[in-house]
Protein backbone atom coordinates (compact mmCIF):
# COMPACT_ATOMS: atom_id res chain seq x y z
CA UNK A 1 2.78 -94.65 40.82
CA UNK A 2 0.69 -92.35 38.60
CA UNK A 3 1.70 -93.46 35.01
CA UNK A 4 1.00 -90.13 33.08
CA UNK A 5 3.65 -89.21 30.58
CA UNK A 6 4.90 -85.64 30.02
CA UNK A 7 2.24 -83.56 28.30
CA UNK A 8 2.61 -82.36 24.70
CA UNK A 9 3.47 -78.75 24.15
CA UNK A 10 0.67 -76.26 24.55
CA UNK A 11 -1.44 -78.77 26.52
CA UNK A 12 -2.80 -78.13 29.84
CA UNK A 13 -0.22 -79.07 32.41
CA UNK A 14 -1.28 -81.32 35.45
CA UNK A 15 -0.66 -80.26 39.04
CA UNK A 16 -1.04 -82.74 41.75
CA UNK A 17 -1.78 -82.05 45.34
CA UNK A 18 1.32 -83.09 47.32
CA UNK A 19 1.26 -84.73 50.89
CA UNK A 20 1.41 -82.62 53.99
CA UNK A 21 3.46 -84.46 56.43
CA UNK A 22 2.29 -84.95 60.01
CA UNK A 23 0.61 -82.61 62.45
CA UNK A 24 3.83 -81.81 64.18
CA UNK A 25 5.85 -80.83 61.16
CA UNK A 26 4.37 -80.09 57.68
CA UNK A 27 6.27 -81.42 54.80
CA UNK A 28 5.71 -82.34 51.27
CA UNK A 29 6.93 -85.53 49.53
CA UNK A 30 8.25 -85.52 46.08
CA UNK A 31 5.80 -86.22 43.34
CA UNK A 32 5.62 -86.06 39.55
CA UNK A 33 6.92 -82.75 38.23
CA UNK A 34 6.60 -81.48 34.61
CA UNK A 35 7.12 -78.45 32.52
CA UNK A 36 9.90 -75.94 33.33
CA UNK A 37 11.10 -77.38 36.72
CA UNK A 38 14.36 -79.11 36.61
CA UNK A 39 14.37 -83.04 36.58
CA UNK A 40 15.11 -84.73 39.77
CA UNK A 41 18.79 -85.81 40.31
CA UNK A 42 19.04 -88.47 42.75
CA UNK A 43 22.82 -88.56 42.59
CA UNK A 44 23.02 -85.01 44.03
CA UNK A 45 23.84 -84.86 47.71
CA UNK A 46 21.13 -83.45 49.99
CA UNK A 47 21.11 -81.32 53.26
CA UNK A 48 18.51 -81.08 56.11
CA UNK A 49 18.28 -78.47 58.70
CA UNK A 50 15.81 -79.18 61.60
CA UNK A 51 14.70 -76.38 63.90
CA UNK A 52 13.30 -77.80 67.13
CA UNK A 53 10.44 -75.35 67.20
CA UNK A 54 9.41 -71.76 68.06
CA UNK A 55 9.40 -71.83 71.91
CA UNK A 56 12.07 -69.47 73.27
CA UNK A 57 12.75 -72.07 76.04
CA UNK A 58 13.78 -74.68 73.56
CA UNK A 59 17.30 -73.58 73.48
CA UNK A 60 17.47 -74.91 77.17
CA UNK A 61 16.28 -78.32 76.22
CA UNK A 62 19.41 -79.06 74.05
CA UNK A 63 17.34 -81.02 71.26
CA UNK A 64 19.38 -83.16 68.99
CA UNK A 65 18.31 -84.98 65.72
CA UNK A 66 18.82 -88.60 64.77
CA UNK A 67 18.03 -89.86 61.28
CA UNK A 68 17.49 -93.44 60.22
CA UNK A 69 17.59 -94.41 56.47
CA UNK A 70 14.18 -96.09 55.95
CA UNK A 71 14.19 -96.37 52.05
CA UNK A 72 16.28 -95.58 49.13
CA UNK A 73 15.02 -93.33 46.36
CA UNK A 74 14.83 -95.33 43.00
CA UNK A 75 14.36 -93.37 39.77
CA UNK A 76 11.39 -93.97 37.59
CA UNK A 77 12.46 -94.10 33.91
CA UNK A 78 10.52 -91.39 31.86
CA UNK A 79 9.09 -89.56 34.71
CA UNK A 80 10.28 -86.68 36.90
CA UNK A 81 9.80 -88.60 40.21
CA UNK A 82 11.07 -91.46 42.22
CA UNK A 83 9.78 -94.39 44.15
CA UNK A 84 10.90 -95.63 47.75
CA UNK A 85 12.67 -99.18 48.14
CA UNK A 86 12.66 -100.06 51.78
CA UNK A 87 16.19 -100.88 53.03
CA UNK A 88 17.93 -102.78 55.68
CA UNK A 89 15.71 -103.46 58.87
CA UNK A 90 12.74 -101.71 57.10
CA UNK A 91 12.86 -103.94 53.98
CA UNK A 92 9.73 -105.93 55.23
CA UNK A 93 7.61 -102.78 55.63
CA UNK A 94 5.19 -103.22 52.89
CA UNK A 95 3.45 -99.95 54.02
CA UNK A 96 6.44 -98.01 52.69
CA UNK A 97 5.66 -99.30 49.08
CA UNK A 98 2.37 -97.69 49.38
CA UNK A 99 4.22 -94.42 49.07
CA UNK A 100 4.94 -95.08 45.44
CA UNK A 101 1.56 -93.57 44.56
CA UNK A 102 1.63 -90.36 46.44
CA UNK A 103 -1.67 -89.29 45.49
CA UNK A 104 -3.42 -92.12 47.30
CA UNK A 105 -1.61 -91.63 50.68
CA UNK A 106 -3.44 -89.29 53.03
CA UNK A 107 -1.99 -87.67 56.18
CA UNK A 108 -3.35 -90.30 58.59
CA UNK A 109 -1.87 -93.15 56.74
CA UNK A 110 1.43 -91.48 56.36
CA UNK A 111 1.41 -90.76 60.09
CA UNK A 112 0.74 -94.53 60.65
CA UNK A 113 3.83 -95.41 58.44
CA UNK A 114 6.02 -93.08 60.62
CA UNK A 115 4.71 -94.75 63.81
CA UNK A 116 5.28 -98.22 62.30
CA UNK A 117 8.89 -97.18 61.39
CA UNK A 118 9.50 -95.65 64.94
CA UNK A 119 8.18 -98.64 66.70
CA UNK A 120 10.55 -101.00 64.82
CA UNK A 121 13.41 -98.63 65.37
CA UNK A 122 12.95 -97.59 69.00
CA UNK A 123 10.97 -100.36 70.79
CA UNK A 124 11.50 -103.67 69.12
CA UNK A 125 13.62 -105.96 71.42
CA UNK A 126 16.45 -107.65 69.85
CA UNK A 127 16.78 -105.09 66.88
CA UNK A 128 19.59 -102.66 66.75
CA UNK A 129 19.45 -100.26 63.77
CA UNK A 130 22.39 -98.10 62.93
CA UNK A 131 21.69 -94.27 62.72
CA UNK A 132 22.54 -92.58 59.59
CA UNK A 133 22.85 -89.32 61.75
CA UNK A 134 23.31 -89.60 65.49
CA UNK A 135 22.73 -86.69 67.74
CA UNK A 136 23.06 -83.64 65.35
CA UNK A 137 22.49 -80.50 67.01
CA UNK A 138 19.03 -79.18 66.05
CA UNK A 139 19.29 -75.99 63.89
CA UNK A 140 22.57 -77.07 62.39
CA UNK A 141 22.74 -78.32 58.69
CA UNK A 142 23.05 -82.05 58.12
CA UNK A 143 24.77 -82.51 54.87
CA UNK A 144 27.97 -84.51 55.32
CA UNK A 145 28.03 -87.76 57.41
CA UNK A 146 30.76 -88.95 59.68
CA UNK A 147 32.19 -91.06 57.01
CA UNK A 148 32.51 -88.17 54.69
CA UNK A 149 29.68 -89.07 52.36
CA UNK A 150 26.80 -86.76 51.45
CA UNK A 151 23.29 -87.12 52.82
CA UNK A 152 21.85 -89.25 50.00
CA UNK A 153 18.33 -89.24 48.49
CA UNK A 154 15.66 -91.19 50.14
CA UNK A 155 13.07 -91.60 52.94
CA UNK A 156 14.36 -90.87 56.51
CA UNK A 157 12.85 -91.44 60.02
CA UNK A 158 13.60 -88.28 61.88
CA UNK A 159 13.64 -88.66 65.81
CA UNK A 160 14.10 -85.44 67.98
CA UNK A 161 15.35 -86.02 71.57
CA UNK A 162 17.25 -84.45 74.42
CA UNK A 163 21.03 -84.52 74.09
CA UNK A 164 21.56 -86.33 77.37
CA UNK A 165 19.00 -88.86 76.75
CA UNK A 166 20.93 -91.34 74.80
CA UNK A 167 19.00 -94.58 75.40
CA UNK A 168 15.50 -95.14 73.91
CA UNK A 169 14.23 -96.07 77.47
CA UNK A 170 15.26 -92.48 78.47
CA UNK A 171 13.45 -90.59 75.77
CA UNK A 172 10.77 -92.71 74.37
CA UNK A 173 7.33 -92.19 75.54
CA UNK A 174 3.60 -92.44 74.46
CA UNK A 175 1.00 -89.74 74.01
CA UNK A 176 -2.82 -89.67 73.45
CA UNK A 177 -4.27 -86.93 71.54
CA UNK A 178 -7.35 -85.12 72.47
CA UNK A 179 -10.45 -87.01 71.23
CA UNK A 180 -8.39 -90.15 70.64
CA UNK A 181 -8.42 -93.41 72.50
CA UNK A 182 -5.27 -94.91 71.27
CA UNK A 183 -1.75 -93.73 72.15
CA UNK A 184 1.08 -92.93 69.83
CA UNK A 185 4.84 -93.08 70.15
CA UNK A 186 6.77 -89.89 70.92
CA UNK A 187 10.11 -88.75 72.06
CA UNK A 188 11.04 -86.08 74.69
CA UNK A 189 13.46 -83.45 75.50
CA UNK A 190 13.58 -81.51 78.74
CA UNK A 191 14.58 -78.08 79.83
CA UNK A 192 14.62 -77.24 83.57
CA UNK A 193 10.87 -76.07 83.47
CA UNK A 194 9.21 -77.84 80.51
CA UNK A 195 8.77 -81.11 78.88
CA UNK A 196 8.81 -81.07 74.93
CA UNK A 197 7.21 -84.05 73.21
CA UNK A 198 7.83 -84.78 69.60
CA UNK A 199 6.18 -87.23 67.15
CA UNK A 200 8.49 -89.22 64.83
CA UNK A 201 8.60 -87.90 61.42
CA UNK A 202 9.25 -89.12 57.93
CA UNK A 203 11.32 -86.93 55.66
CA UNK A 204 11.73 -87.32 51.92
CA UNK A 205 14.88 -86.06 50.39
CA UNK A 206 14.91 -84.37 47.80
CA UNK A 207 11.43 -82.58 48.04
CA UNK A 208 9.26 -80.23 46.30
CA UNK A 209 7.37 -77.73 48.53
CA UNK A 210 7.08 -73.98 49.43
CA UNK A 211 7.96 -73.14 52.99
CA UNK A 212 6.97 -70.09 54.90
CA UNK A 213 9.16 -67.98 57.14
CA UNK A 214 8.20 -70.17 60.12
CA UNK A 215 9.23 -73.34 58.39
CA UNK A 216 5.85 -74.65 57.80
CA UNK A 217 4.27 -75.50 54.27
CA UNK A 218 2.90 -72.44 52.53
CA UNK A 219 1.87 -74.34 49.38
CA UNK A 220 0.85 -77.97 49.33
CA UNK A 221 0.80 -78.34 45.47
CA UNK A 222 3.51 -79.34 43.27
CA UNK A 223 3.93 -76.61 40.60
CA UNK A 224 5.63 -76.65 37.33
CA UNK A 225 7.75 -73.83 38.43
CA UNK A 226 8.87 -75.35 41.73
CA UNK A 227 12.24 -77.15 41.55
CA UNK A 228 13.44 -80.06 43.46
CA UNK A 229 14.82 -79.07 46.83
CA UNK A 230 18.16 -80.82 47.87
CA UNK A 231 18.77 -78.47 50.77
CA UNK A 232 15.70 -78.63 53.06
CA UNK A 233 14.91 -76.56 56.22
CA UNK A 234 11.98 -77.51 58.34
CA UNK A 235 10.61 -76.68 61.72
CA UNK A 236 9.22 -79.12 64.29
CA UNK A 237 6.13 -78.33 66.39
CA UNK A 238 6.48 -80.17 69.65
CA UNK A 239 3.91 -80.07 72.50
CA UNK A 240 5.12 -78.11 75.66
CA UNK A 241 4.15 -78.83 79.16
CA UNK A 242 5.18 -77.82 82.57
CA UNK A 243 7.55 -80.23 84.18
CA UNK A 244 6.95 -81.32 87.72
CA UNK A 245 9.20 -81.95 90.58
CA UNK A 246 9.23 -83.39 94.05
CA UNK A 247 9.03 -82.03 97.64
CA UNK A 248 10.06 -83.84 100.82
CA UNK A 249 8.96 -82.67 104.24
CA UNK A 250 10.87 -84.27 107.11
CA UNK A 251 9.73 -84.17 110.84
CA UNK A 252 11.86 -85.09 113.68
CA UNK A 253 10.35 -85.92 116.96
CA UNK A 254 13.12 -86.85 119.39
CA UNK A 255 10.61 -87.34 122.49
CA UNK A 256 7.26 -88.79 122.20
CA UNK A 257 4.34 -88.61 124.86
CA UNK A 258 3.02 -92.31 124.86
CA UNK A 259 -0.48 -92.85 124.90
CA UNK A 260 -2.09 -90.86 121.95
CA UNK A 261 -0.81 -90.29 118.35
CA UNK A 262 0.93 -86.95 117.63
CA UNK A 263 -0.04 -85.34 114.47
CA UNK A 264 1.41 -82.34 112.72
CA UNK A 265 -0.24 -80.57 109.93
CA UNK A 266 1.57 -78.49 106.98
CA UNK A 267 0.24 -75.96 104.68
CA UNK A 268 2.05 -76.13 101.29
CA UNK A 269 1.96 -73.11 99.00
CA UNK A 270 3.86 -72.82 95.64
CA UNK A 271 4.26 -69.85 93.69
CA UNK A 272 5.75 -68.89 90.32
CA UNK A 273 8.45 -66.92 92.13
CA UNK A 274 9.25 -65.09 95.42
CA UNK A 275 6.71 -62.36 94.64
CA UNK A 276 3.91 -64.70 95.34
CA UNK A 277 1.84 -63.01 92.66
CA UNK A 278 0.79 -66.24 90.95
CA UNK A 279 -0.07 -69.48 92.87
CA UNK A 280 0.74 -72.70 91.23
CA UNK A 281 -0.16 -75.12 93.98
CA UNK A 282 -1.78 -75.15 97.24
CA UNK A 283 -2.62 -78.13 99.68
CA UNK A 284 -2.33 -79.52 103.17
CA UNK A 285 -0.58 -82.55 104.46
CA UNK A 286 -0.03 -84.45 107.73
CA UNK A 287 2.49 -86.49 109.56
CA UNK A 288 1.47 -88.76 112.42
CA UNK A 289 3.67 -90.30 115.07
CA UNK A 290 3.04 -93.23 117.49
CA UNK A 291 6.66 -93.35 118.47
CA UNK A 292 9.58 -91.02 118.61
CA UNK A 293 11.90 -90.67 115.50
CA UNK A 294 11.81 -89.17 111.99
CA UNK A 295 9.26 -89.37 109.22
CA UNK A 296 9.38 -88.08 105.65
CA UNK A 297 6.36 -87.07 103.58
CA UNK A 298 7.14 -87.13 99.74
CA UNK A 299 4.98 -85.03 97.48
CA UNK A 300 5.63 -86.15 93.89
CA UNK A 301 4.87 -84.83 90.49
CA UNK A 302 2.35 -82.09 91.32
CA UNK A 303 4.41 -78.95 91.92
CA UNK A 304 6.11 -77.25 88.77
CA UNK A 305 9.65 -77.31 88.66
CA UNK A 306 11.29 -73.88 89.56
CA UNK A 307 8.29 -73.05 91.88
CA UNK A 308 9.04 -70.99 94.98
CA UNK A 309 7.52 -73.02 97.78
CA UNK A 310 6.51 -72.12 101.35
CA UNK A 311 5.85 -75.04 103.82
CA UNK A 312 4.26 -73.84 107.21
CA UNK A 313 3.57 -76.11 110.07
CA UNK A 314 0.22 -74.75 111.02
CA UNK A 315 -0.57 -77.38 113.91
CA UNK A 316 2.04 -79.04 116.25
CA UNK A 317 -0.39 -80.31 118.93
CA UNK A 318 -0.73 -78.93 122.46
CA UNK A 319 2.16 -81.18 123.73
CA UNK A 320 4.75 -80.23 121.38
CA UNK A 321 6.62 -77.04 120.21
CA UNK A 322 8.98 -76.28 117.32
CA UNK A 323 12.61 -76.42 118.40
CA UNK A 324 13.70 -73.26 116.84
CA UNK A 325 10.28 -71.47 117.02
CA UNK A 326 10.22 -70.95 113.01
CA UNK A 327 7.04 -72.46 111.53
CA UNK A 328 7.80 -71.50 107.95
CA UNK A 329 10.48 -73.15 105.59
CA UNK A 330 11.02 -72.01 101.93
CA UNK A 331 12.55 -73.86 99.06
CA UNK A 332 12.70 -74.18 95.28
CA UNK A 333 11.57 -77.30 93.27
CA UNK A 334 14.45 -78.74 91.17
CA UNK A 335 14.24 -80.74 88.16
CA UNK A 336 13.52 -84.40 89.01
CA UNK A 337 16.69 -85.89 87.61
CA UNK A 338 17.89 -88.94 89.66
CA UNK A 339 15.06 -88.52 91.99
CA UNK A 340 16.15 -85.03 93.15
CA UNK A 341 13.66 -83.19 95.48
CA UNK A 342 13.25 -80.06 97.36
CA UNK A 343 13.60 -80.68 101.20
CA UNK A 344 12.37 -78.93 104.27
CA UNK A 345 12.74 -80.11 107.85
CA UNK A 346 11.14 -79.43 111.16
CA UNK A 347 12.08 -80.69 114.70
CA UNK A 348 9.60 -80.60 117.55
CA UNK A 349 10.23 -81.11 121.22
CA UNK A 350 7.94 -82.54 123.80
CA UNK A 351 6.67 -79.87 126.44
CA UNK A 352 5.88 -82.16 129.26
CA UNK A 353 2.77 -83.66 130.86
CA UNK A 354 1.24 -80.52 132.09
CA UNK A 355 -1.13 -80.39 129.16
CA UNK A 356 -2.68 -83.87 129.81
CA UNK A 357 -6.10 -84.41 131.56
CA UNK A 358 -9.66 -83.05 131.19
CA UNK A 359 -12.83 -84.51 129.91
CA UNK A 360 -12.89 -82.66 126.47
CA UNK A 361 -11.18 -84.02 123.44
CA UNK A 362 -10.02 -81.61 120.78
CA UNK A 363 -8.79 -82.18 117.22
CA UNK A 364 -7.78 -79.96 114.32
CA UNK A 365 -9.71 -79.75 111.15
CA UNK A 366 -9.22 -77.91 107.87
CA UNK A 367 -12.21 -75.69 106.69
CA UNK A 368 -12.15 -75.42 102.97
CA UNK A 369 -14.69 -72.60 102.97
CA UNK A 370 -12.54 -70.22 105.05
CA UNK A 371 -9.17 -71.86 104.09
CA UNK A 372 -8.16 -72.15 107.63
CA UNK A 373 -7.60 -74.62 110.47
CA UNK A 374 -10.19 -74.88 113.39
CA UNK A 375 -10.37 -76.53 116.57
CA UNK A 376 -13.33 -78.92 117.01
CA UNK A 377 -14.45 -80.06 120.30
CA UNK A 378 -15.99 -83.51 120.95
């Protein structure tokens, strides 16, 4: 802690640069305040409102907030500030005590402390840490706890997750930032079409900072004129990524001409919608039989959820024909919960032995240059 006393009247007042919290959500920890700002009152109840972010689609992800009390706020006699005293399962985290001197903690080290607390909370086997707040809807004010008590002063670990993802195994993941080699702990929430990834955050209550209209920090300096804030509203900044689903192509072949394998070729085209104005995926796939029966080709994790898909059987061989004569199937990629997949099915019938014989062997090859299938004679 910085041990400067209150300055005498008329002397130049000090202004300390406060700490900006994390890349995903900028916050400022409480540091020494002087002059006309009101002294900190650690007995006053606090409130916290957390917006999940600015993406319009986030409302469909049903983001909720968990809070874990990492440290109590302990007053410092003679100073308008407080220090952190790690509590409960976090008592052994010496890194938290480093936050006593706010001026020596940079953004990277603060992020590391958040990662350490999150790893202990969410991934350490054999440890179960009670939540101070469990599954509060993002955007709603957190002030009164389930036991009727107010949200008390201190340091909190903030975890954002999807409402339906109740076990850490369902919402904890790891991410590697561009230019970095090591991964960091993160949590997720899903809408039908997107995955939102959140970094764990540390929140100090009460706090001193000036926020802009978007919830980010407008001023990172503690000013004599800035009062302690007990009702804090912040905005998270998750990463948004397209969500990918699964496609299953089933081929039925009731009859089979013994002697040579029977191959069937499929062209797969995925579009943003039925207008086919924007292509999202294009590829070919094959299913080969050496006996009659059914086979299913599974295409996983490459076609965006919600995509409109056309699967065309572009080659059926000279000995087989489509049972219904329809070579195109359409479908839409669903969200992949519980292994869900879009499914299309084709059935081919054997046309008889009239096509056998001859000294020329033909096969079908895909030409990438003209995006077409061509016969090749050998």
